[in-house]
Amino acid sequence: MKLVIKMGLFNKIKKMFAKEETVVEERREDVTDDSFEKETGEMEKPVTRGSEEIKIYEKGLSKSRENFVSKLINLTNKYHEVTEDYFDELEEILIMADIGVNTVMDFMDRLRARVRHEHITDPDSLKEIIVDELFIIYVNDEVIVNKINYSATKPTVILFVGVNGVGKTTTIAKLADKMISEGKKVKMIAGDTFRAGATKQLQEWAERVGASFTGRGEGTDPSSVIYDGLEEALNDGTDVVLIDTAGRLQNKVNLMNELEKINRVIGKVVADAPHETLLIIDATTGQNGISQAKAFKEITDVTGIVLTKLDGTAKGGIVLAIKEQVGIPVKYIGLGERKEDLQVFDVEKYIYGLFKDMM
């Protein structure tokens, strides 16, 4: 996805979703009270605005929206003109949204410059500019790659890293389910042989979603398990291999050595693999998640981030902080417990889900 923002993103998103709402309203008018029931034998389902994905973003970001946007609206209502007191309170709101201190400082400098250059005095006029500038920070005239890098030859190998407790295993299962629904043959490999019960947990998920599975006993060398699983994948026509790993970040040296060995083994069995290394981060950990991202970036080649449990935090600004401070794109976000709630990250849907009450 290439999204280049100069200014006017607020209005672009507002018009895009307003148009979608109009289309859905027109569809509603075309449906008589009993037409759906006559055609399907079921009671008519309510027509809601937007696609299912947009609804998931709206619901999943409700905590962040209620906390962050309500404070921005209150700030706008509080001040009749843009003053240093206004800027100070705005700065505090942004920091509390977990956007990150350095990111906020840069943002405030840019905002002050625009206010001076454009002679803005009305705080209400700043709402659109705030949205634009925040997401200019995210996109920064870059080509944002938010899709999986599938290999031209089978299998595509995806390595998952992250500390324990961030939702790594369930994320693997949800991604496997998505890929299987798209017609892909998926294999899960239990490369976390350190945590008690990790192999059994992944095996149970594989059985639930219909993926094949390779695992060994606790304490087995993870590289040997991964080697066997990749050999099986080459022989049985597997399309995608999803590999779990241990998350012992407290001992970075051991983890680095383990991941280096795993990467060497993967590359020997499947050329140019792993094709993706996805870091799983729990959004509710806030700035600690940023620290994890920086640490993993030092010890392995992370190609994308999966941000889980975003629905469980009021600090949705962490998406901006990760991109600004770590420089790794967010590829998926978790917005709930259901498998449908793991969504490919879409910056426009994210903007809408976070700022819809200002639009």
Protein backbone atom coordinates (compact mmCIF):
# COMPACT_ATOMS: atom_id res chain seq x y z
CA MET A 1 0.00 0.00 0.00
CA LYS A 2 1.46 3.37 -1.00
CA LEU A 3 -0.06 6.26 0.88
CA VAL A 4 1.58 9.66 0.52
CA ILE A 5 0.13 12.39 2.71
CA LYS A 6 0.80 16.09 2.26
CA MET A 7 -2.30 17.44 3.96
CA GLY A 8 -6.06 16.96 4.00
CA LEU A 9 -6.05 13.37 5.25
CA PHE A 10 -8.82 14.17 7.74
CA ASN A 11 -11.19 15.28 4.98
CA LYS A 12 -10.17 12.43 2.70
CA ILE A 13 -11.04 9.81 5.30
CA LYS A 14 -14.23 11.62 6.30
CA LYS A 15 -15.45 11.73 2.70
CA MET A 16 -14.46 8.14 2.02
CA PHE A 17 -16.48 6.73 4.91
CA ALA A 18 -19.35 9.18 4.43
CA LYS A 19 -19.64 7.86 0.88
CA GLU A 20 -19.67 4.30 2.15
CA GLU A 21 -22.42 5.19 4.62
CA THR A 22 -24.51 6.65 1.78
CA VAL A 23 -24.11 3.48 -0.27
CA VAL A 24 -25.24 1.33 2.64
CA GLU A 25 -28.22 3.60 3.29
CA GLU A 26 -29.24 3.23 -0.36
CA ARG A 27 -29.04 -0.53 -0.02
CA ARG A 28 -31.22 -0.37 3.07
CA GLU A 29 -33.89 1.55 1.14
CA ASP A 30 -33.85 -1.10 -1.58
CA VAL A 31 -34.74 -3.82 0.91
CA THR A 32 -38.41 -4.05 1.91
CA ASP A 33 -39.34 -5.14 5.40
CA ASP A 34 -39.88 -8.76 4.44
CA SER A 35 -37.78 -9.23 1.29
CA PHE A 36 -34.76 -10.71 3.08
CA GLU A 37 -36.99 -13.09 5.02
CA LYS A 38 -38.80 -14.19 1.85
CA GLU A 39 -35.55 -14.89 -0.03
CA THR A 40 -33.64 -16.61 2.78
CA GLY A 41 -36.21 -17.84 5.25
CA GLU A 42 -34.42 -15.83 7.96
CA MET A 43 -35.27 -12.65 9.77
CA GLU A 44 -33.77 -9.61 8.11
CA LYS A 45 -30.33 -8.77 9.43
CA PRO A 46 -29.74 -5.14 10.35
CA VAL A 47 -27.73 -3.20 7.79
CA THR A 48 -24.86 -1.41 9.50
CA ARG A 49 -22.62 1.29 8.11
CA GLY A 50 -19.42 0.18 6.53
CA SER A 51 -17.79 -3.15 5.94
CA GLU A 52 -17.26 -5.76 8.63
CA GLU A 53 -13.62 -4.70 8.85
CA ILE A 54 -14.51 -1.09 9.56
CA LYS A 55 -16.94 -2.15 12.26
CA ILE A 56 -14.18 -4.22 13.85
CA TYR A 57 -11.87 -1.19 13.84
CA GLU A 58 -14.59 1.01 15.34
CA LYS A 59 -15.35 -1.43 18.14
CA GLY A 60 -11.73 -2.43 18.78
CA LEU A 61 -10.53 1.17 19.08
CA SER A 62 -13.45 2.36 21.21
CA LYS A 63 -11.39 2.61 24.42
CA SER A 64 -8.70 4.65 22.73
CA ARG A 65 -11.26 6.80 20.97
CA GLU A 66 -13.27 7.52 24.10
CA ASN A 67 -10.13 8.42 26.02
CA PHE A 68 -8.03 10.22 23.42
CA VAL A 69 -10.55 11.92 21.16
CA SER A 70 -12.85 13.00 23.98
CA LYS A 71 -9.90 14.81 25.56
CA LEU A 72 -9.08 16.51 22.24
CA ILE A 73 -12.69 17.63 21.86
CA ASN A 74 -12.78 18.92 25.44
CA LEU A 75 -9.54 20.77 24.85
CA THR A 76 -10.97 22.44 21.76
CA ASN A 77 -14.08 23.46 23.68
CA LYS A 78 -12.03 24.79 26.58
CA TYR A 79 -9.93 27.27 24.61
CA HIS A 80 -11.20 30.07 22.39
CA GLU A 81 -7.76 30.67 20.91
CA VAL A 82 -4.50 28.80 20.43
CA THR A 83 -2.17 29.64 23.31
CA GLU A 84 0.87 28.10 24.98
CA ASP A 85 -1.46 26.69 27.64
CA TYR A 86 -3.40 24.98 24.84
CA PHE A 87 -0.17 23.50 23.46
CA ASP A 88 0.91 22.30 26.91
CA GLU A 89 -2.36 20.47 27.50
CA LEU A 90 -2.33 18.98 23.99
CA GLU A 91 1.21 17.73 24.58
CA GLU A 92 0.11 16.00 27.78
CA ILE A 93 -2.86 14.36 26.04
CA LEU A 94 -0.62 12.96 23.31
CA ILE A 95 1.95 11.62 25.76
CA MET A 96 -0.80 9.94 27.80
CA ALA A 97 -2.01 8.25 24.58
CA ASP A 98 1.36 6.40 24.52
CA ILE A 99 2.51 8.03 21.32
CA GLY A 100 5.94 8.46 22.89
CA VAL A 101 7.72 11.50 24.27
CA ASN A 102 10.17 12.00 21.38
CA THR A 103 7.43 11.56 18.80
CA VAL A 104 5.23 14.06 20.64
CA MET A 105 8.04 16.61 20.87
CA ASP A 106 8.64 16.41 17.12
CA PHE A 107 4.92 16.61 16.47
CA MET A 108 4.50 19.69 18.67
CA ASP A 109 7.34 21.46 16.86
CA ARG A 110 5.67 20.77 13.51
CA LEU A 111 2.27 21.85 14.80
CA ARG A 112 3.60 25.12 16.22
CA ALA A 113 5.32 25.83 12.90
CA ARG A 114 2.09 25.30 10.97
CA VAL A 115 0.15 27.48 13.37
CA ARG A 116 2.66 30.30 12.87
CA HIS A 117 2.92 29.84 9.10
CA GLU A 118 -0.83 29.60 8.51
CA HIS A 119 -1.74 32.20 11.16
CA ILE A 120 -4.14 29.83 12.93
CA THR A 121 -5.81 31.19 16.05
CA ASP A 122 -8.96 29.04 16.40
CA PRO A 123 -8.43 25.67 18.20
CA ASP A 124 -11.35 24.17 16.25
CA SER A 125 -9.37 24.68 13.05
CA LEU A 126 -6.55 22.59 14.49
CA LYS A 127 -8.56 19.35 14.76
CA GLU A 128 -8.01 18.43 11.12
CA ILE A 129 -4.37 19.51 11.21
CA ILE A 130 -3.70 17.38 14.31
CA VAL A 131 -5.04 14.28 12.53
CA ASP A 132 -3.07 15.08 9.37
CA GLU A 133 0.21 15.67 11.20
CA LEU A 134 -0.07 12.59 13.40
CA PHE A 135 -0.43 10.34 10.39
CA ILE A 136 2.16 12.14 8.35
CA ILE A 137 4.42 10.91 11.15
CA TYR A 138 3.28 7.33 10.47
CA VAL A 139 3.44 7.36 6.69
CA ASN A 140 6.29 9.86 6.18
CA ASP A 141 6.06 9.64 2.36
CA GLU A 142 7.04 5.97 2.51
CA VAL A 143 5.66 2.91 0.78
CA ILE A 144 3.97 1.13 3.68
CA VAL A 145 4.09 -2.63 3.18
CA ASN A 146 1.41 -4.22 5.33
CA LYS A 147 1.00 -7.52 3.51
CA ILE A 148 2.71 -10.87 3.93
CA ASN A 149 5.66 -11.41 1.61
CA TYR A 150 4.62 -14.71 0.03
CA SER A 151 7.36 -16.65 -1.72
CA ALA A 152 7.05 -17.42 -5.44
CA THR A 153 7.88 -21.05 -4.60
CA LYS A 154 6.47 -23.23 -1.85
CA PRO A 155 6.57 -23.01 1.05
CA THR A 156 6.45 -19.47 2.41
CA VAL A 157 8.10 -19.56 5.84
CA ILE A 158 6.99 -17.13 8.57
CA LEU A 159 8.89 -16.99 11.86
CA PHE A 160 7.12 -15.60 14.94
CA VAL A 161 9.04 -14.00 17.79
CA GLY A 162 8.00 -12.23 20.98
CA VAL A 163 8.05 -12.59 24.74
CA ASN A 164 5.75 -14.99 26.53
CA GLY A 165 2.22 -13.83 27.24
CA VAL A 166 1.76 -11.48 24.27
CA GLY A 167 -0.64 -13.78 22.41
CA LYS A 168 1.87 -15.38 20.06
CA THR A 169 0.24 -18.81 19.90
CA THR A 170 -3.29 -17.53 19.35
CA THR A 171 -2.03 -15.07 16.74
CA ILE A 172 -0.41 -17.93 14.83
CA ALA A 173 -3.70 -19.83 15.00
CA LYS A 174 -5.75 -16.85 13.77
CA LEU A 175 -3.37 -16.24 10.86
CA ALA A 176 -3.43 -19.94 10.00
CA ASP A 177 -7.23 -19.86 9.98
CA LYS A 178 -7.24 -16.83 7.64
CA MET A 179 -4.79 -18.48 5.26
CA ILE A 180 -6.65 -21.80 5.26
CA SER A 181 -9.91 -19.94 4.47
CA GLU A 182 -8.07 -18.50 1.45
CA GLY A 183 -7.32 -22.03 0.22
CA LYS A 184 -3.74 -22.33 1.46
CA LYS A 185 -2.28 -25.46 2.99
CA VAL A 186 -0.72 -24.45 6.31
CA LYS A 187 1.68 -26.15 8.69
CA MET A 188 2.48 -25.05 12.25
CA ILE A 189 5.85 -25.90 13.79
CA ALA A 190 6.30 -25.80 17.57
CA GLY A 191 9.72 -24.18 17.89
CA ASP A 192 9.05 -23.12 21.48
CA THR A 193 10.32 -26.19 23.31
CA PHE A 194 11.20 -24.21 26.44
CA ARG A 195 7.83 -23.12 27.85
CA ALA A 196 5.88 -25.91 29.51
CA GLY A 197 2.79 -26.80 27.49
CA ALA A 198 3.69 -24.63 24.48
CA THR A 199 3.90 -27.55 22.05
CA LYS A 200 0.60 -29.07 23.19
CA GLN A 201 -1.14 -25.69 23.02
CA LEU A 202 -0.01 -25.09 19.44
CA GLN A 203 -0.98 -28.64 18.45
CA GLU A 204 -4.49 -28.12 19.81
CA TRP A 205 -4.83 -24.91 17.79
CA ALA A 206 -3.58 -26.69 14.66
CA GLU A 207 -6.27 -29.33 15.07
CA ARG A 208 -8.96 -26.68 15.58
CA VAL A 209 -8.17 -24.67 12.47
CA GLY A 210 -7.22 -27.60 10.23
CA ALA A 211 -3.47 -27.03 9.89
CA SER A 212 -0.86 -29.78 9.90
CA PHE A 213 1.58 -29.81 12.81
CA THR A 214 5.13 -30.72 13.73
CA GLY A 215 6.29 -30.78 17.34
CA ARG A 216 8.47 -32.70 19.75
CA GLY A 217 8.84 -33.02 23.50
CA GLU A 218 9.72 -30.24 25.90
CA GLY A 219 13.47 -29.53 26.01
CA THR A 220 14.10 -30.72 22.43
CA ASP A 221 16.48 -28.61 20.34
CA PRO A 222 14.07 -26.22 18.56
CA SER A 223 16.23 -26.14 15.42
CA SER A 224 15.87 -29.90 14.98
CA VAL A 225 12.07 -29.64 15.29
CA ILE A 226 12.01 -26.84 12.73
CA TYR A 227 14.28 -28.80 10.37
CA ASP A 228 11.97 -31.83 10.48
CA GLY A 229 8.88 -29.68 10.00
CA LEU A 230 10.31 -27.87 6.98
CA GLU A 231 11.36 -31.17 5.38
CA GLU A 232 7.79 -32.40 5.81
CA ALA A 233 6.46 -29.15 4.32
CA LEU A 234 8.65 -29.53 1.23
CA ASN A 235 7.40 -33.07 0.70
CA ASP A 236 3.67 -32.58 1.30
CA GLY A 237 3.05 -29.43 -0.75
CA THR A 238 2.52 -27.05 2.17
CA ASP A 239 1.94 -23.46 1.06
CA VAL A 240 2.76 -21.63 4.32
CA VAL A 241 4.77 -22.66 7.36
CA LEU A 242 4.19 -20.81 10.64
CA ILE A 243 6.97 -21.29 13.20
CA ASP A 244 6.57 -20.53 16.90
CA THR A 245 9.68 -19.68 18.97
CA ALA A 246 10.55 -19.22 22.64
CA GLY A 247 10.33 -15.74 24.14
CA ARG A 248 13.11 -15.59 26.72
CA LEU A 249 14.04 -11.96 26.18
CA GLN A 250 15.45 -11.66 29.70
CA ASN A 251 18.46 -13.63 28.43
CA LYS A 252 19.15 -11.83 25.17
CA VAL A 253 22.44 -13.61 24.45
CA ASN A 254 20.89 -17.08 24.58
CA LEU A 255 17.87 -15.96 22.59
CA MET A 256 20.05 -14.31 19.97
CA ASN A 257 22.15 -17.47 19.59
CA GLU A 258 19.02 -19.59 19.36
CA LEU A 259 17.41 -17.37 16.71
CA GLU A 260 20.63 -17.22 14.69
CA LYS A 261 20.76 -21.02 14.68
CA ILE A 262 17.08 -21.27 13.76
CA ASN A 263 17.55 -18.84 10.87
CA ARG A 264 20.54 -20.81 9.57
CA VAL A 265 18.59 -24.07 9.67
CA ILE A 266 15.58 -22.52 7.94
CA GLY A 267 17.80 -21.08 5.20
CA LYS A 268 19.45 -24.47 4.59
CA VAL A 269 16.13 -26.25 4.08
CA VAL A 270 14.21 -23.49 2.25
CA ALA A 271 16.20 -21.01 0.19
CA ASP A 272 15.75 -17.31 1.06
CA ALA A 273 13.68 -18.20 4.11
CA PRO A 274 12.34 -17.06 6.50
CA HIS A 275 10.36 -14.81 4.19
CA GLU A 276 8.85 -12.95 7.14
CA THR A 277 9.80 -12.56 10.79
CA LEU A 278 6.82 -11.17 12.68
CA LEU A 279 7.22 -9.73 16.16
CA ILE A 280 4.16 -10.06 18.41
CA ILE A 281 3.64 -7.18 20.86
CA ASP A 282 0.91 -6.80 23.48
CA ALA A 283 -0.49 -3.26 23.05
CA THR A 284 -1.56 -3.11 26.69
CA THR A 285 2.11 -3.11 27.80
CA GLY A 286 2.55 0.36 26.33
CA GLN A 287 6.12 1.65 26.21
CA ASN A 288 7.40 -1.71 27.43
CA GLY A 289 6.23 -3.07 24.08
CA ILE A 290 8.38 -0.46 22.35
CA SER A 291 11.37 -1.64 24.38
CA GLN A 292 10.66 -5.23 23.32
CA ALA A 293 10.54 -4.17 19.67
CA LYS A 294 13.89 -2.41 19.94
CA ALA A 295 15.45 -5.42 21.69
CA PHE A 296 14.21 -7.95 19.12
CA LYS A 297 15.27 -5.67 16.28
CA GLU A 298 18.82 -5.88 17.65
CA ILE A 299 18.91 -9.68 17.63
CA THR A 300 16.97 -10.66 14.51
CA ASP A 301 15.65 -9.25 11.24
CA VAL A 302 12.08 -8.31 12.13
CA THR A 303 10.03 -7.55 8.99
CA GLY A 304 6.72 -6.67 10.60
CA ILE A 305 4.83 -6.29 13.86
CA VAL A 306 1.57 -7.85 15.01
CA LEU A 307 0.05 -5.63 17.70
CA THR A 308 -2.31 -7.71 19.83
CA LYS A 309 -4.93 -6.67 22.42
CA LEU A 310 -5.32 -3.17 21.01
CA ASP A 311 -8.96 -3.32 22.06
CA GLY A 312 -7.86 -3.71 25.67
CA THR A 313 -6.02 -0.39 25.95
CA ALA A 314 -7.06 3.25 25.88
CA LYS A 315 -3.61 4.12 24.52
CA GLY A 316 -4.01 3.35 20.83
CA GLY A 317 -1.30 5.85 19.95
CA ILE A 318 1.25 3.07 20.43
CA VAL A 319 0.78 2.30 16.71
CA LEU A 320 2.37 5.66 15.90
CA ALA A 321 5.11 5.23 18.48
CA ILE A 322 6.18 1.84 17.11
CA LYS A 323 6.54 3.14 13.57
CA GLU A 324 8.32 6.33 14.64
CA GLN A 325 10.65 4.84 17.24
CA VAL A 326 11.35 1.40 15.82
CA GLY A 327 10.85 1.87 12.08
CA ILE A 328 9.07 -1.47 11.56
CA PRO A 329 5.63 -1.55 9.89
CA VAL A 330 2.62 -2.86 11.79
CA LYS A 331 1.21 -5.62 9.58
CA TYR A 332 -1.64 -6.92 11.74
CA ILE A 333 -3.56 -5.63 14.74
CA GLY A 334 -5.64 -7.61 17.22
CA LEU A 335 -8.94 -5.89 18.02
CA GLY A 336 -10.70 -8.62 19.99
CA GLU A 337 -10.84 -12.30 20.87
CA ARG A 338 -12.58 -13.59 17.73
CA LYS A 339 -10.55 -14.82 14.79
CA GLU A 340 -12.12 -12.06 12.67
CA ASP A 341 -10.70 -9.48 15.07
CA LEU A 342 -7.15 -10.03 13.82
CA GLN A 343 -7.01 -7.54 10.96
CA VAL A 344 -4.46 -6.58 8.34
CA PHE A 345 -3.37 -3.13 9.48
CA ASP A 346 -4.98 -0.43 7.35
CA VAL A 347 -3.93 3.10 8.29
CA GLU A 348 -7.11 4.67 6.86
CA LYS A 349 -9.43 2.34 8.79
CA TYR A 350 -7.28 2.97 11.85
CA ILE A 351 -7.65 6.73 11.44
CA TYR A 352 -11.40 6.36 11.09
CA GLY A 353 -11.71 4.00 14.06
CA LEU A 354 -9.67 6.33 16.26
CA PHE A 355 -11.02 9.71 15.16
CA LYS A 356 -14.56 9.01 13.91
CA ASP A 357 -16.11 11.08 16.70
CA MET A 358 -14.25 14.12 15.37
CA MET A 359 -15.40 13.58 11.78
